[in-house]
Amino acid sequence: MSQEREPLNSLVLYHLFKWSVVSPMLHSYFQGKIYGAENVPQEGPLVVVSNHASHFDPPIVASCMRRPVAFMAKEELFKIPIFREAISLYGAYPVNRKSADRSAIRSSLQALNEGWAAGIFLQGTRTKDGRITNPKLGAAMIAAKANAPLIPVSLWGTEKILVKDSPIPRPTPVTVRIGEVIDPPSSNQREELEQLTHHCAELINKMHDLGR
């Protein structure tokens, strides 16, 4: 049985990092606009599905959800001492890319059991323009296993934050749109999971097309 909210120590550290670093950067440096935050359930299991175009996407999405969201991150990032501490504070958990599907599902279910919302990038990797063209079934599978609703999120503008050969983020405008909650799948049947996955991708792309 999953608990209602995250462990208190994780919650304190998460919000400390959010309000001291992530939120000020989103709203000031990136001129962030957020639509649909009122759609986010504040308790219970939840799978957050999003497009993905930048390394900045996980903290931006989580900052907009009004509840902590745990995102997967490639395990290599956890070998960098300072960075490991930062992303761990923000709910990231390591995933072995050699067995990414199994590892991601197992880690996401554990996060849900601990009271976090689970963040999943629907395509599984970054795309140059932020649109989803090849969605994966992982989010729907996790939602089915955990009987958790899903909520679609669109990130617009994050692909312009970093440019080649420059480690400094650009002050580009970012817009986040949060859709309405989608009921969990009623079974693990592949046909239903595929339908749900493509429905989520369609919703996210439509929100992305709205632009700024």
C-alpha atoms as a PDB file:
ATOM      1  CA  MET A   1       0.000   0.000   0.000  1.00  0.00           C
ATOM      2  CA  SER A   2       1.386   3.432  -0.912  1.00  0.00           C
ATOM      3  CA  GLN A   3       1.586   6.255   1.588  1.00  0.00           C
ATOM      4  CA  GLU A   4      -0.262   9.508   0.984  1.00  0.00           C
ATOM      5  CA  ARG A   5       2.717  11.873   0.970  1.00  0.00           C
ATOM      6  CA  GLU A   6       6.485  11.825   0.679  1.00  0.00           C
ATOM      7  CA  PRO A   7       8.773  11.204   3.686  1.00  0.00           C
ATOM      8  CA  LEU A   8       9.017  14.410   5.740  1.00  0.00           C
ATOM      9  CA  ASN A   9      12.806  14.719   5.463  1.00  0.00           C
ATOM     10  CA  SER A  10      12.618  14.403   1.664  1.00  0.00           C
ATOM     11  CA  LEU A  11       9.777  16.920   1.544  1.00  0.00           C
ATOM     12  CA  VAL A  12      11.718  19.555   3.513  1.00  0.00           C
ATOM     13  CA  LEU A  13      14.850  19.235   1.355  1.00  0.00           C
ATOM     14  CA  TYR A  14      12.805  19.174  -1.830  1.00  0.00           C
ATOM     15  CA  HIS A  15      10.986  22.408  -1.039  1.00  0.00           C
ATOM     16  CA  LEU A  16      14.171  24.083   0.160  1.00  0.00           C
ATOM     17  CA  PHE A  17      15.807  23.442  -3.211  1.00  0.00           C
ATOM     18  CA  LYS A  18      12.647  24.328  -5.127  1.00  0.00           C
ATOM     19  CA  TRP A  19      12.013  27.704  -3.531  1.00  0.00           C
ATOM     20  CA  SER A  20      15.646  28.798  -3.249  1.00  0.00           C
ATOM     21  CA  VAL A  21      16.855  27.761  -6.715  1.00  0.00           C
ATOM     22  CA  VAL A  22      14.368  26.298  -9.188  1.00  0.00           C
ATOM     23  CA  SER A  23      11.310  28.520  -8.779  1.00  0.00           C
ATOM     24  CA  PRO A  24      13.193  31.854  -8.818  1.00  0.00           C
ATOM     25  CA  MET A  25      15.116  30.779 -11.922  1.00  0.00           C
ATOM     26  CA  LEU A  26      11.949  29.640 -13.712  1.00  0.00           C
ATOM     27  CA  HIS A  27       9.923  32.752 -12.977  1.00  0.00           C
ATOM     28  CA  SER A  28      12.650  35.376 -13.282  1.00  0.00           C
ATOM     29  CA  TYR A  29      15.390  34.115 -15.583  1.00  0.00           C
ATOM     30  CA  PHE A  30      13.106  32.081 -17.889  1.00  0.00           C
ATOM     31  CA  GLN A  31      10.041  34.365 -17.565  1.00  0.00           C
ATOM     32  CA  GLY A  32       8.019  31.249 -16.871  1.00  0.00           C
ATOM     33  CA  LYS A  33       4.314  31.070 -17.653  1.00  0.00           C
ATOM     34  CA  ILE A  34       2.290  28.228 -16.125  1.00  0.00           C
ATOM     35  CA  TYR A  35      -1.212  27.197 -17.165  1.00  0.00           C
ATOM     36  CA  GLY A  36      -3.403  24.511 -15.589  1.00  0.00           C
ATOM     37  CA  ALA A  37      -1.697  24.077 -12.208  1.00  0.00           C
ATOM     38  CA  GLU A  38      -5.167  23.810 -10.660  1.00  0.00           C
ATOM     39  CA  ASN A  39      -5.612  20.465 -12.487  1.00  0.00           C
ATOM     40  CA  VAL A  40      -2.997  18.693 -10.353  1.00  0.00           C
ATOM     41  CA  PRO A  41      -4.327  16.351  -7.612  1.00  0.00           C
ATOM     42  CA  GLN A  42      -2.509  17.117  -4.379  1.00  0.00           C
ATOM     43  CA  GLU A  43      -2.658  13.589  -2.941  1.00  0.00           C
ATOM     44  CA  GLY A  44      -2.643  10.010  -4.106  1.00  0.00           C
ATOM     45  CA  PRO A  45      -0.604   8.284  -6.821  1.00  0.00           C
ATOM     46  CA  LEU A  46      -0.052  10.280  -9.993  1.00  0.00           C
ATOM     47  CA  VAL A  47       1.988   9.722 -13.165  1.00  0.00           C
ATOM     48  CA  VAL A  48       3.156  12.978 -14.757  1.00  0.00           C
ATOM     49  CA  VAL A  49       3.832  12.567 -18.503  1.00  0.00           C
ATOM     50  CA  SER A  50       5.665  15.228 -20.450  1.00  0.00           C
ATOM     51  CA  ASN A  51       7.607  16.034 -23.583  1.00  0.00           C
ATOM     52  CA  HIS A  52      11.372  16.490 -23.177  1.00  0.00           C
ATOM     53  CA  ALA A  53      13.864  18.809 -24.872  1.00  0.00           C
ATOM     54  CA  SER A  54      16.315  19.932 -22.174  1.00  0.00           C
ATOM     55  CA  HIS A  55      18.222  18.804 -19.081  1.00  0.00           C
ATOM     56  CA  PHE A  56      16.296  21.576 -17.304  1.00  0.00           C
ATOM     57  CA  ASP A  57      12.931  19.876 -17.884  1.00  0.00           C
ATOM     58  CA  PRO A  58      12.697  17.699 -14.727  1.00  0.00           C
ATOM     59  CA  PRO A  59      13.063  20.536 -12.174  1.00  0.00           C
ATOM     60  CA  ILE A  60      10.868  22.851 -14.280  1.00  0.00           C
ATOM     61  CA  VAL A  61       8.025  20.335 -14.495  1.00  0.00           C
ATOM     62  CA  ALA A  62       8.265  19.429 -10.825  1.00  0.00           C
ATOM     63  CA  SER A  63       8.304  23.090  -9.790  1.00  0.00           C
ATOM     64  CA  CYS A  64       5.012  23.696 -11.605  1.00  0.00           C
ATOM     65  CA  MET A  65       3.075  20.732 -10.232  1.00  0.00           C
ATOM     66  CA  ARG A  66       2.382  22.065  -6.716  1.00  0.00           C
ATOM     67  CA  ARG A  67       3.525  18.699  -5.325  1.00  0.00           C
ATOM     68  CA  PRO A  68       6.889  16.903  -5.456  1.00  0.00           C
ATOM     69  CA  VAL A  69       7.595  14.802  -8.522  1.00  0.00           C
ATOM     70  CA  ALA A  70      10.319  12.145  -8.724  1.00  0.00           C
ATOM     71  CA  PHE A  71      11.999  11.857 -12.139  1.00  0.00           C
ATOM     72  CA  MET A  72      14.345   9.151 -13.354  1.00  0.00           C
ATOM     73  CA  ALA A  73      17.891  10.141 -14.331  1.00  0.00           C
ATOM     74  CA  LYS A  74      20.652   8.141 -15.986  1.00  0.00           C
ATOM     75  CA  GLU A  75      22.819   6.533 -13.348  1.00  0.00           C
ATOM     76  CA  GLU A  76      25.992   8.183 -14.683  1.00  0.00           C
ATOM     77  CA  LEU A  77      24.772  11.503 -13.255  1.00  0.00           C
ATOM     78  CA  PHE A  78      24.867  10.026  -9.747  1.00  0.00           C
ATOM     79  CA  LYS A  79      28.628   9.506 -10.052  1.00  0.00           C
ATOM     80  CA  ILE A  80      29.205  13.284 -10.027  1.00  0.00           C
ATOM     81  CA  PRO A  81      29.365  14.172  -6.283  1.00  0.00           C
ATOM     82  CA  ILE A  82      27.859  17.674  -6.170  1.00  0.00           C
ATOM     83  CA  PHE A  83      25.369  17.036  -8.960  1.00  0.00           C
ATOM     84  CA  ARG A  84      24.341  13.759  -7.335  1.00  0.00           C
ATOM     85  CA  GLU A  85      23.365  15.552  -4.152  1.00  0.00           C
ATOM     86  CA  ALA A  86      21.415  18.241  -6.006  1.00  0.00           C
ATOM     87  CA  ILE A  87      19.320  15.899  -8.139  1.00  0.00           C
ATOM     88  CA  SER A  88      18.740  13.542  -5.222  1.00  0.00           C
ATOM     89  CA  LEU A  89      17.321  16.420  -3.192  1.00  0.00           C
ATOM     90  CA  TYR A  90      14.928  17.039  -6.047  1.00  0.00           C
ATOM     91  CA  GLY A  91      13.610  13.496  -6.101  1.00  0.00           C
ATOM     92  CA  ALA A  92      15.669  12.032  -8.970  1.00  0.00           C
ATOM     93  CA  TYR A  93      16.456   8.327  -8.919  1.00  0.00           C
ATOM     94  CA  PRO A  94      19.054   6.442 -10.991  1.00  0.00           C
ATOM     95  CA  VAL A  95      18.108   4.294 -13.966  1.00  0.00           C
ATOM     96  CA  ASN A  96      20.432   1.867 -15.716  1.00  0.00           C
ATOM     97  CA  ARG A  97      20.151   2.657 -19.424  1.00  0.00           C
ATOM     98  CA  LYS A  98      21.202  -0.886 -20.369  1.00  0.00           C
ATOM     99  CA  SER A  99      18.005  -2.177 -18.766  1.00  0.00           C
ATOM    100  CA  ALA A 100      16.104   1.108 -18.891  1.00  0.00           C
ATOM    101  CA  ASP A 101      12.568  -0.276 -19.210  1.00  0.00           C
ATOM    102  CA  ARG A 102      12.750  -2.668 -16.265  1.00  0.00           C
ATOM    103  CA  SER A 103      14.770  -0.286 -14.114  1.00  0.00           C
ATOM    104  CA  ALA A 104      12.534   2.704 -14.844  1.00  0.00           C
ATOM    105  CA  ILE A 105       9.313   0.849 -14.088  1.00  0.00           C
ATOM    106  CA  ARG A 106      10.673  -0.595 -10.856  1.00  0.00           C
ATOM    107  CA  SER A 107      12.031   2.760  -9.667  1.00  0.00           C
ATOM    108  CA  SER A 108       8.876   4.656 -10.636  1.00  0.00           C
ATOM    109  CA  LEU A 109       6.657   2.208  -8.764  1.00  0.00           C
ATOM    110  CA  GLN A 110       8.898   2.565  -5.705  1.00  0.00           C
ATOM    111  CA  ALA A 111       8.587   6.368  -5.902  1.00  0.00           C
ATOM    112  CA  LEU A 112       4.797   6.073  -6.108  1.00  0.00           C
ATOM    113  CA  ASN A 113       4.783   3.720  -3.110  1.00  0.00           C
ATOM    114  CA  GLU A 114       6.758   6.318  -1.134  1.00  0.00           C
ATOM    115  CA  GLY A 115       4.141   8.989  -1.874  1.00  0.00           C
ATOM    116  CA  TRP A 116       5.848  10.866  -4.713  1.00  0.00           C
ATOM    117  CA  ALA A 117       4.236  11.634  -8.035  1.00  0.00           C
ATOM    118  CA  ALA A 118       6.253   9.845 -10.746  1.00  0.00           C
ATOM    119  CA  GLY A 119       7.531  11.916 -13.660  1.00  0.00           C
ATOM    120  CA  ILE A 120       7.959  10.175 -17.018  1.00  0.00           C
ATOM    121  CA  PHE A 121       9.100  11.679 -20.317  1.00  0.00           C
ATOM    122  CA  LEU A 122       6.782  10.089 -22.837  1.00  0.00           C
ATOM    123  CA  GLN A 123       9.384   9.645 -25.569  1.00  0.00           C
ATOM    124  CA  GLY A 124      12.032   8.518 -23.107  1.00  0.00           C
ATOM    125  CA  THR A 125      14.645  10.905 -24.479  1.00  0.00           C
ATOM    126  CA  ARG A 126      15.042  14.517 -25.585  1.00  0.00           C
ATOM    127  CA  THR A 127      13.774  15.760 -28.941  1.00  0.00           C
ATOM    128  CA  LYS A 128      15.170  18.791 -30.761  1.00  0.00           C
ATOM    129  CA  ASP A 129      11.860  20.635 -31.099  1.00  0.00           C
ATOM    130  CA  GLY A 130      10.088  19.403 -27.975  1.00  0.00           C
ATOM    131  CA  ARG A 131       7.438  17.475 -29.903  1.00  0.00           C
ATOM    132  CA  ILE A 132       6.664  13.818 -29.245  1.00  0.00           C
ATOM    133  CA  THR A 133       6.962  11.636 -32.344  1.00  0.00           C
ATOM    134  CA  ASN A 134       7.662   8.184 -30.909  1.00  0.00           C
ATOM    135  CA  PRO A 135       5.978   7.777 -27.501  1.00  0.00           C
ATOM    136  CA  LYS A 136       6.903   4.807 -25.331  1.00  0.00           C
ATOM    137  CA  LEU A 137       4.521   2.619 -23.324  1.00  0.00           C
ATOM    138  CA  GLY A 138       6.378   2.974 -20.006  1.00  0.00           C
ATOM    139  CA  ALA A 139       4.125   5.624 -18.456  1.00  0.00           C
ATOM    140  CA  ALA A 140       0.945   3.699 -19.294  1.00  0.00           C
ATOM    141  CA  MET A 141       2.460   0.474 -17.936  1.00  0.00           C
ATOM    142  CA  ILE A 142       3.383   2.184 -14.674  1.00  0.00           C
ATOM    143  CA  ALA A 143      -0.079   3.744 -14.404  1.00  0.00           C
ATOM    144  CA  ALA A 144      -1.672   0.330 -14.946  1.00  0.00           C
ATOM    145  CA  LYS A 145       0.508  -1.420 -12.377  1.00  0.00           C
ATOM    146  CA  ALA A 146      -0.040   1.299  -9.757  1.00  0.00           C
ATOM    147  CA  ASN A 147      -3.661   2.067 -10.708  1.00  0.00           C
ATOM    148  CA  ALA A 148      -2.537   5.690 -10.914  1.00  0.00           C
ATOM    149  CA  PRO A 149      -4.096   8.450 -13.027  1.00  0.00           C
ATOM    150  CA  LEU A 150      -1.933  10.344 -15.495  1.00  0.00           C
ATOM    151  CA  ILE A 151      -1.611  14.055 -16.136  1.00  0.00           C
ATOM    152  CA  PRO A 152      -0.165  15.415 -19.412  1.00  0.00           C
ATOM    153  CA  VAL A 153       2.304  18.316 -19.325  1.00  0.00           C
ATOM    154  CA  SER A 154       3.720  20.354 -22.197  1.00  0.00           C
ATOM    155  CA  LEU A 155       7.008  22.237 -22.024  1.00  0.00           C
ATOM    156  CA  TRP A 156       7.512  24.961 -24.611  1.00  0.00           C
ATOM    157  CA  GLY A 157      10.817  26.779 -25.166  1.00  0.00           C
ATOM    158  CA  THR A 158      13.154  24.620 -23.089  1.00  0.00           C
ATOM    159  CA  GLU A 159      14.993  23.354 -26.188  1.00  0.00           C
ATOM    160  CA  LYS A 160      16.486  26.846 -26.509  1.00  0.00           C
ATOM    161  CA  ILE A 161      17.910  27.037 -22.976  1.00  0.00           C
ATOM    162  CA  LEU A 162      21.251  25.464 -23.849  1.00  0.00           C
ATOM    163  CA  VAL A 163      23.150  25.940 -27.089  1.00  0.00           C
ATOM    164  CA  LYS A 164      26.041  23.911 -28.425  1.00  0.00           C
ATOM    165  CA  ASP A 165      29.471  24.592 -26.877  1.00  0.00           C
ATOM    166  CA  SER A 166      28.015  26.848 -24.148  1.00  0.00           C
ATOM    167  CA  PRO A 167      27.365  25.629 -20.591  1.00  0.00           C
ATOM    168  CA  ILE A 168      25.523  28.828 -19.670  1.00  0.00           C
ATOM    169  CA  PRO A 169      21.707  28.640 -19.847  1.00  0.00           C
ATOM    170  CA  ARG A 170      20.106  31.285 -22.033  1.00  0.00           C
ATOM    171  CA  PRO A 171      17.284  33.441 -20.576  1.00  0.00           C
ATOM    172  CA  THR A 172      14.742  32.082 -23.028  1.00  0.00           C
ATOM    173  CA  PRO A 173      10.977  32.313 -22.302  1.00  0.00           C
ATOM    174  CA  VAL A 174       9.460  29.039 -21.072  1.00  0.00           C
ATOM    175  CA  THR A 175       5.785  28.055 -20.984  1.00  0.00           C
ATOM    176  CA  VAL A 176       4.348  25.073 -19.104  1.00  0.00           C
ATOM    177  CA  ARG A 177       0.824  23.818 -19.806  1.00  0.00           C
ATOM    178  CA  ILE A 178      -0.785  21.187 -17.585  1.00  0.00           C
ATOM    179  CA  GLY A 179      -3.751  19.238 -18.936  1.00  0.00           C
ATOM    180  CA  GLU A 180      -6.614  17.469 -17.199  1.00  0.00           C
ATOM    181  CA  VAL A 181      -6.192  14.210 -15.297  1.00  0.00           C
ATOM    182  CA  ILE A 182      -6.617  11.010 -17.302  1.00  0.00           C
ATOM    183  CA  ASP A 183      -7.990   7.868 -15.648  1.00  0.00           C
ATOM    184  CA  PRO A 184      -5.588   4.941 -15.275  1.00  0.00           C
ATOM    185  CA  PRO A 185      -5.859   2.114 -17.800  1.00  0.00           C
ATOM    186  CA  SER A 186      -8.267  -0.641 -16.822  1.00  0.00           C
ATOM    187  CA  SER A 187      -5.871  -3.432 -17.826  1.00  0.00           C
ATOM    188  CA  ASN A 188      -2.335  -4.284 -18.900  1.00  0.00           C
ATOM    189  CA  GLN A 189      -3.461  -5.176 -22.407  1.00  0.00           C
ATOM    190  CA  ARG A 190      -1.029  -3.780 -24.960  1.00  0.00           C
ATOM    191  CA  GLU A 191      -3.768  -2.372 -27.187  1.00  0.00           C
ATOM    192  CA  GLU A 192      -5.201  -0.287 -24.359  1.00  0.00           C
ATOM    193  CA  LEU A 193      -1.737   0.880 -23.254  1.00  0.00           C
ATOM    194  CA  GLU A 194      -0.922   1.934 -26.813  1.00  0.00           C
ATOM    195  CA  GLN A 195      -4.186   3.864 -27.155  1.00  0.00           C
ATOM    196  CA  LEU A 196      -3.585   5.655 -23.877  1.00  0.00           C
ATOM    197  CA  THR A 197       0.025   6.444 -24.777  1.00  0.00           C
ATOM    198  CA  HIS A 198      -0.885   7.962 -28.126  1.00  0.00           C
ATOM    199  CA  HIS A 199      -3.727   9.893 -26.520  1.00  0.00           C
ATOM    200  CA  CYS A 200      -1.273  11.435 -24.056  1.00  0.00           C
ATOM    201  CA  ALA A 201       1.165  12.260 -26.860  1.00  0.00           C
ATOM    202  CA  GLU A 202      -1.594  13.918 -28.887  1.00  0.00           C
ATOM    203  CA  LEU A 203      -2.701  16.045 -25.930  1.00  0.00           C
ATOM    204  CA  ILE A 204       0.856  17.130 -25.130  1.00  0.00           C
ATOM    205  CA  ASN A 205       1.622  18.030 -28.742  1.00  0.00           C
ATOM    206  CA  LYS A 206      -1.604  20.042 -29.000  1.00  0.00           C
ATOM    207  CA  MET A 207      -0.659  22.016 -25.889  1.00  0.00           C
ATOM    208  CA  HIS A 208       2.860  22.491 -27.244  1.00  0.00           C
ATOM    209  CA  ASP A 209       1.432  23.868 -30.497  1.00  0.00           C
ATOM    210  CA  LEU A 210      -0.236  26.673 -28.511  1.00  0.00           C
ATOM    211  CA  GLY A 211       3.219  28.162 -28.016  1.00  0.00           C
ATOM    212  CA  ARG A 212       3.903  30.978 -25.607  1.00  0.00           C
END
